[in-house]
N, C-alpha and C. Protein backbone atom coordinates (compact mmCIF):
# COMPACT_ATOMS: atom_id res chain seq x y z
N UNK A 1 40.85 -13.26 -49.87
CA UNK A 1 39.63 -12.75 -49.62
C UNK A 1 39.48 -13.53 -48.02
N UNK A 2 40.55 -14.74 -48.22
CA UNK A 2 40.17 -15.86 -46.86
C UNK A 2 40.86 -15.09 -45.95
N UNK A 3 41.87 -14.41 -46.27
CA UNK A 3 42.02 -13.73 -44.52
C UNK A 3 41.02 -12.70 -44.46
N UNK A 4 40.55 -12.12 -45.50
CA UNK A 4 39.33 -10.97 -44.83
C UNK A 4 38.58 -11.70 -43.98
N UNK A 5 37.90 -12.78 -44.71
CA UNK A 5 37.10 -13.31 -43.56
C UNK A 5 37.36 -13.87 -42.50
N UNK A 6 38.66 -14.26 -42.32
CA UNK A 6 38.78 -14.57 -40.88
C UNK A 6 39.35 -13.34 -39.93
N UNK A 7 39.50 -12.24 -40.48
CA UNK A 7 39.69 -10.62 -39.68
C UNK A 7 38.33 -10.29 -39.40
N UNK A 8 37.45 -10.38 -40.22
CA UNK A 8 36.24 -10.17 -40.08
C UNK A 8 35.67 -11.10 -38.66
N UNK A 9 35.88 -12.16 -38.96
CA UNK A 9 35.18 -13.44 -37.58
C UNK A 9 35.69 -12.68 -36.31
N UNK A 10 37.17 -12.39 -36.57
CA UNK A 10 38.52 -11.93 -35.05
C UNK A 10 37.38 -10.92 -35.07
N UNK A 11 36.98 -9.82 -35.76
CA UNK A 11 36.84 -8.91 -35.32
C UNK A 11 35.22 -8.50 -34.32
N UNK A 12 34.40 -10.05 -35.30
CA UNK A 12 32.95 -9.89 -34.65
C UNK A 12 33.41 -10.57 -33.13
N UNK A 13 33.72 -11.46 -32.66
CA UNK A 13 34.32 -12.30 -31.58
C UNK A 13 34.75 -11.19 -30.94
N UNK A 14 35.62 -10.28 -31.05
CA UNK A 14 35.87 -9.23 -30.19
C UNK A 14 34.99 -8.29 -29.74
N UNK A 15 34.09 -8.02 -30.91
CA UNK A 15 32.88 -7.13 -30.23
C UNK A 15 31.92 -7.78 -29.50
N UNK A 16 31.72 -9.25 -29.93
CA UNK A 16 30.82 -9.66 -28.91
C UNK A 16 31.65 -9.34 -27.93
N UNK A 17 32.45 -10.10 -27.52
CA UNK A 17 33.18 -10.38 -26.33
C UNK A 17 32.95 -8.78 -25.31
N UNK A 18 33.18 -7.61 -26.16
CA UNK A 18 33.14 -6.52 -25.68
C UNK A 18 31.34 -6.15 -25.09
N UNK A 19 30.23 -6.34 -25.52
CA UNK A 19 29.14 -6.25 -25.76
C UNK A 19 28.62 -6.88 -24.40
N UNK A 20 29.30 -7.86 -24.34
CA UNK A 20 28.83 -8.95 -23.33
C UNK A 20 29.53 -8.25 -21.86
N UNK A 21 30.66 -7.83 -21.98
CA UNK A 21 31.12 -7.12 -21.03
C UNK A 21 30.50 -6.20 -20.20
N UNK A 22 30.05 -5.19 -21.58
CA UNK A 22 29.25 -4.23 -21.45
C UNK A 22 28.04 -4.44 -20.83
N UNK A 23 27.23 -5.65 -21.05
CA UNK A 23 26.09 -5.89 -20.48
C UNK A 23 26.34 -5.84 -19.09
N UNK A 24 27.23 -7.03 -18.75
CA UNK A 24 27.41 -7.06 -17.72
C UNK A 24 27.61 -6.21 -16.48
N UNK A 25 28.56 -4.94 -16.78
CA UNK A 25 28.91 -4.34 -16.14
C UNK A 25 27.63 -3.36 -16.11
N UNK A 26 26.89 -3.28 -17.30
CA UNK A 26 25.49 -2.47 -16.93
C UNK A 26 24.38 -2.94 -16.02
N UNK A 27 24.63 -4.53 -15.99
CA UNK A 27 23.62 -5.34 -15.56
C UNK A 27 24.00 -4.75 -13.91
N UNK A 28 25.34 -4.74 -13.65
CA UNK A 28 25.84 -4.51 -12.22
C UNK A 28 25.09 -3.36 -11.82
N UNK A 29 25.74 -2.41 -12.75
CA UNK A 29 24.84 -0.89 -12.35
C UNK A 29 23.63 -0.55 -12.27
N UNK A 30 22.76 -1.31 -13.10
CA UNK A 30 21.44 -1.07 -12.13
C UNK A 30 20.84 -2.02 -11.66
N UNK A 31 21.96 -3.06 -11.38
CA UNK A 31 21.48 -3.92 -9.80
C UNK A 31 21.54 -3.02 -8.58
N UNK A 32 22.38 -2.55 -8.99
CA UNK A 32 23.10 -1.17 -7.67
C UNK A 32 22.34 -0.07 -7.45
N UNK A 33 21.80 0.28 -8.74
CA UNK A 33 20.80 1.73 -8.67
C UNK A 33 19.58 1.12 -7.59
N UNK A 34 18.75 0.10 -8.51
CA UNK A 34 17.85 -0.56 -7.92
C UNK A 34 17.83 -0.77 -5.91
N UNK A 35 19.03 -1.49 -6.07
CA UNK A 35 18.97 -1.68 -4.49
C UNK A 35 18.98 -0.23 -4.05
N UNK A 36 20.01 0.69 -4.35
CA UNK A 36 19.50 2.08 -4.00
C UNK A 36 18.07 3.05 -3.76
N UNK A 37 17.49 2.29 -4.59
CA UNK A 37 16.18 3.14 -5.02
C UNK A 37 14.98 2.32 -4.15
N UNK A 38 15.39 1.19 -3.78
CA UNK A 38 14.63 0.24 -3.13
C UNK A 38 14.90 0.57 -1.46
N UNK A 39 16.25 0.84 -1.05
CA UNK A 39 16.56 1.66 0.31
C UNK A 39 15.86 2.58 0.30
N UNK A 40 15.84 3.75 -0.28
CA UNK A 40 15.36 4.99 -0.72
C UNK A 40 13.71 5.28 -0.16
N UNK A 41 12.89 3.58 -0.89
CA UNK A 41 11.55 3.88 -1.15
C UNK A 41 11.41 3.55 0.28
N UNK A 42 11.94 2.26 0.73
CA UNK A 42 11.64 2.28 2.25
C UNK A 42 11.57 3.08 3.50
N UNK A 43 12.88 4.05 3.23
CA UNK A 43 13.22 5.07 3.96
C UNK A 43 11.61 6.00 3.96
N UNK A 44 11.45 6.17 2.67
CA UNK A 44 10.39 7.01 2.64
C UNK A 44 8.75 6.75 3.13
N UNK A 45 9.03 5.17 2.76
CA UNK A 45 7.62 4.71 3.17
C UNK A 45 7.53 4.77 4.87
N UNK A 46 8.61 4.45 5.92
CA UNK A 46 8.68 4.89 7.14
C UNK A 46 8.79 6.11 7.43
N UNK A 47 9.21 7.03 6.67
CA UNK A 47 8.13 8.57 6.97
C UNK A 47 7.46 8.82 6.71
N UNK A 48 7.04 8.58 5.82
CA UNK A 48 5.23 8.39 5.61
C UNK A 48 4.24 7.95 7.05
N UNK A 49 4.76 7.24 7.36
CA UNK A 49 4.51 6.01 8.25
C UNK A 49 4.00 6.68 9.14
N UNK A 50 5.13 7.66 9.76
CA UNK A 50 5.56 8.24 11.16
C UNK A 50 4.60 9.52 11.10
N UNK A 51 5.02 10.10 9.86
CA UNK A 51 4.15 11.64 9.53
C UNK A 51 3.25 11.28 9.84
N UNK A 52 2.38 10.16 9.21
CA UNK A 52 0.76 9.85 8.99
C UNK A 52 0.21 9.72 10.96
N UNK A 53 1.46 8.87 11.18
CA UNK A 53 0.40 8.70 12.80
C UNK A 53 0.55 10.24 13.81
N UNK A 54 1.62 10.79 13.53
CA UNK A 54 1.72 11.88 13.90
C UNK A 54 1.07 12.76 13.84
N UNK A 55 0.18 12.90 12.49
CA UNK A 55 -0.87 13.86 11.83
C UNK A 55 -2.41 13.10 12.52
N UNK A 56 -2.16 12.01 12.57
CA UNK A 56 -3.72 11.05 12.93
C UNK A 56 -3.32 11.42 14.39
N UNK A 57 -2.38 10.93 15.75
CA UNK A 57 -2.68 11.31 16.63
C UNK A 57 -2.65 12.82 17.63
N UNK A 58 -2.62 13.73 16.67
CA UNK A 58 -2.62 15.41 16.79
C UNK A 58 -1.22 16.06 16.85
N UNK A 59 -0.33 14.95 16.77
CA UNK A 59 0.62 16.46 16.97
C UNK A 59 1.39 16.60 15.47
N UNK A 60 0.32 16.92 15.09
CA UNK A 60 0.89 17.12 13.42
C UNK A 60 1.01 18.87 13.45
N UNK A 61 1.18 19.69 13.93
CA UNK A 61 1.32 21.14 14.43
C UNK A 61 2.87 21.02 14.63
N UNK A 62 3.62 19.90 15.01
CA UNK A 62 5.00 19.81 15.40
C UNK A 62 5.91 19.98 13.96
N UNK A 63 4.82 19.24 13.40
CA UNK A 63 6.26 18.66 11.98
C UNK A 63 5.76 20.00 10.75
N UNK A 64 7.16 20.63 10.62
CA UNK A 64 7.28 21.44 10.01
C UNK A 64 6.60 20.81 8.57
N UNK A 65 6.06 22.27 7.88
CA UNK A 65 5.54 22.29 6.54
C UNK A 65 3.90 21.42 6.35
N UNK A 66 3.41 20.69 7.21
CA UNK A 66 2.29 20.57 7.16
C UNK A 66 0.91 21.55 7.80
N UNK A 67 0.11 20.94 7.51
CA UNK A 67 -1.09 21.69 8.24
C UNK A 67 -2.12 20.74 8.27
N UNK A 68 -2.94 21.26 9.45
CA UNK A 68 -4.11 20.20 10.04
C UNK A 68 -5.36 20.37 9.17
N UNK A 69 -5.94 19.22 8.66
CA UNK A 69 -7.04 19.35 7.91
C UNK A 69 -8.29 19.21 8.91
N UNK A 70 -9.24 19.82 8.35
CA UNK A 70 -10.71 20.00 8.92
C UNK A 70 -11.62 19.24 8.31
N UNK A 71 -11.50 18.34 7.45
CA UNK A 71 -11.79 17.09 6.95
C UNK A 71 -11.98 16.21 7.10
N UNK A 72 -13.35 15.19 7.30
CA UNK A 72 -13.05 14.21 8.18
C UNK A 72 -12.34 12.73 6.76
N UNK A 73 -11.42 12.10 7.68
CA UNK A 73 -11.03 10.90 6.54
C UNK A 73 -12.06 10.25 6.65
N UNK A 74 -11.95 9.48 4.96
CA UNK A 74 -12.91 8.42 5.14
C UNK A 74 -13.02 7.40 5.81
N UNK A 75 -12.01 7.11 6.42
CA UNK A 75 -11.44 6.35 7.09
C UNK A 75 -12.23 6.44 9.04
N UNK A 76 -12.38 7.55 9.19
CA UNK A 76 -12.18 8.41 10.68
C UNK A 76 -14.25 8.17 10.68
N UNK A 77 -14.96 7.76 11.85
CA UNK A 77 -15.95 8.20 12.07
C UNK A 77 -16.02 9.18 12.47
N UNK A 78 -17.12 9.88 12.48
CA UNK A 78 -17.13 10.83 13.58
C UNK A 78 -17.13 10.87 15.07
N UNK A 79 -17.89 9.42 15.65
CA UNK A 79 -17.48 9.20 17.18
C UNK A 79 -15.96 9.68 17.11
N UNK A 80 -14.93 8.59 16.79
CA UNK A 80 -13.44 8.77 16.50
C UNK A 80 -13.06 10.16 16.51
N UNK A 81 -13.68 11.03 15.62
CA UNK A 81 -12.86 12.41 15.50
C UNK A 81 -13.66 13.34 16.94
N UNK A 82 -14.68 13.07 16.99
CA UNK A 82 -14.89 13.65 18.26
C UNK A 82 -13.70 13.57 19.51
N UNK A 83 -14.49 12.10 19.89
CA UNK A 83 -13.09 11.62 20.75
C UNK A 83 -11.87 12.00 20.52
N UNK A 84 -11.11 11.91 19.70
CA UNK A 84 -9.76 12.45 19.51
C UNK A 84 -9.79 14.44 19.69
N UNK A 85 -10.92 14.64 18.65
CA UNK A 85 -11.00 16.18 19.73
C UNK A 85 -11.09 16.62 21.00
N UNK A 86 -11.76 15.54 21.74
CA UNK A 86 -11.85 15.70 23.78
C UNK A 86 -10.69 15.47 23.97
N UNK A 87 -10.19 14.50 23.20
CA UNK A 87 -8.85 14.30 24.08
C UNK A 87 -7.86 15.24 24.45
N UNK A 88 -8.00 16.42 23.08
CA UNK A 88 -7.09 17.21 22.99
C UNK A 88 -7.30 18.43 23.69
N UNK A 89 -8.23 18.48 24.72
CA UNK A 89 -8.94 19.27 25.27
C UNK A 89 -9.85 20.73 24.55
N UNK A 90 -10.12 19.91 23.33
CA UNK A 90 -11.26 20.70 23.06
C UNK A 90 -10.62 22.05 22.11
N UNK A 91 -9.64 22.58 21.95
CA UNK A 91 -8.85 23.23 20.89
C UNK A 91 -9.45 23.55 19.71
N UNK A 92 -9.77 22.93 19.13
CA UNK A 92 -10.86 23.66 18.06
C UNK A 92 -12.17 22.81 18.45
N UNK A 93 -13.10 23.43 17.00
CA UNK A 93 -14.50 22.83 16.97
C UNK A 93 -14.29 21.56 16.73
N UNK A 94 -15.36 21.22 17.11
CA UNK A 94 -15.59 19.73 17.16
C UNK A 94 -15.84 19.15 15.34
N UNK A 95 -15.26 18.40 14.67
CA UNK A 95 -15.77 17.87 13.71
C UNK A 95 -17.13 17.58 13.07
N UNK A 96 -18.28 17.76 12.51
CA UNK A 96 -19.43 17.37 12.08
C UNK A 96 -19.03 16.75 11.20
N UNK A 97 -20.11 15.70 10.90
CA UNK A 97 -20.71 14.77 9.44
C UNK A 97 -21.47 15.69 8.70
N UNK A 98 -21.00 16.20 7.60
CA UNK A 98 -21.36 17.03 6.55
C UNK A 98 -23.22 16.48 6.07
N UNK A 99 -23.38 15.45 6.17
CA UNK A 99 -24.64 14.69 5.72
C UNK A 99 -25.52 15.02 7.20
N UNK A 100 -24.96 15.02 8.62
CA UNK A 100 -26.07 15.73 9.47
C UNK A 100 -26.10 17.08 9.96
N UNK A 101 -24.92 17.87 9.41
CA UNK A 101 -25.53 19.33 9.49
C UNK A 101 -26.03 20.01 8.36
N UNK A 102 -26.36 19.17 7.32
CA UNK A 102 -27.10 19.65 6.07
C UNK A 102 -28.71 19.18 6.27
N UNK A 103 -28.79 17.99 7.19
CA UNK A 103 -30.23 17.99 7.79
C UNK A 103 -30.59 18.22 8.45
N UNK A 104 -29.66 19.11 9.28
CA UNK A 104 -30.49 19.77 10.36
C UNK A 104 -30.86 21.33 9.59
N UNK A 105 -30.08 21.51 8.93
CA UNK A 105 -30.69 22.99 8.27
C UNK A 105 -31.56 22.73 7.46
N UNK A 106 -32.22 21.56 6.97
CA UNK A 106 -33.36 21.92 6.48
C UNK A 106 -34.58 21.81 7.39
């Protein structure tokens, strides 16, 4: 009976050491994965920023897979959009504020 208790205790110690070893290995793998994900996230953030700047500056037509929008961004005023349109040589009609155009229709 005492021999059984000793072997069980030894077995439990071995299992505990194995679990700790596995946990350390898993923690290291997770840390590496998080680091990789963070690098990927930073790269994607740079790409999104670069593409946003290109789209807002009017060079969006050269970005594959993107299309220009005709709606006003909430951050842009009508004057900013008209200025941007004029600087492109009026290649497309000026964008107008929908509230102004609806009041004209009345």
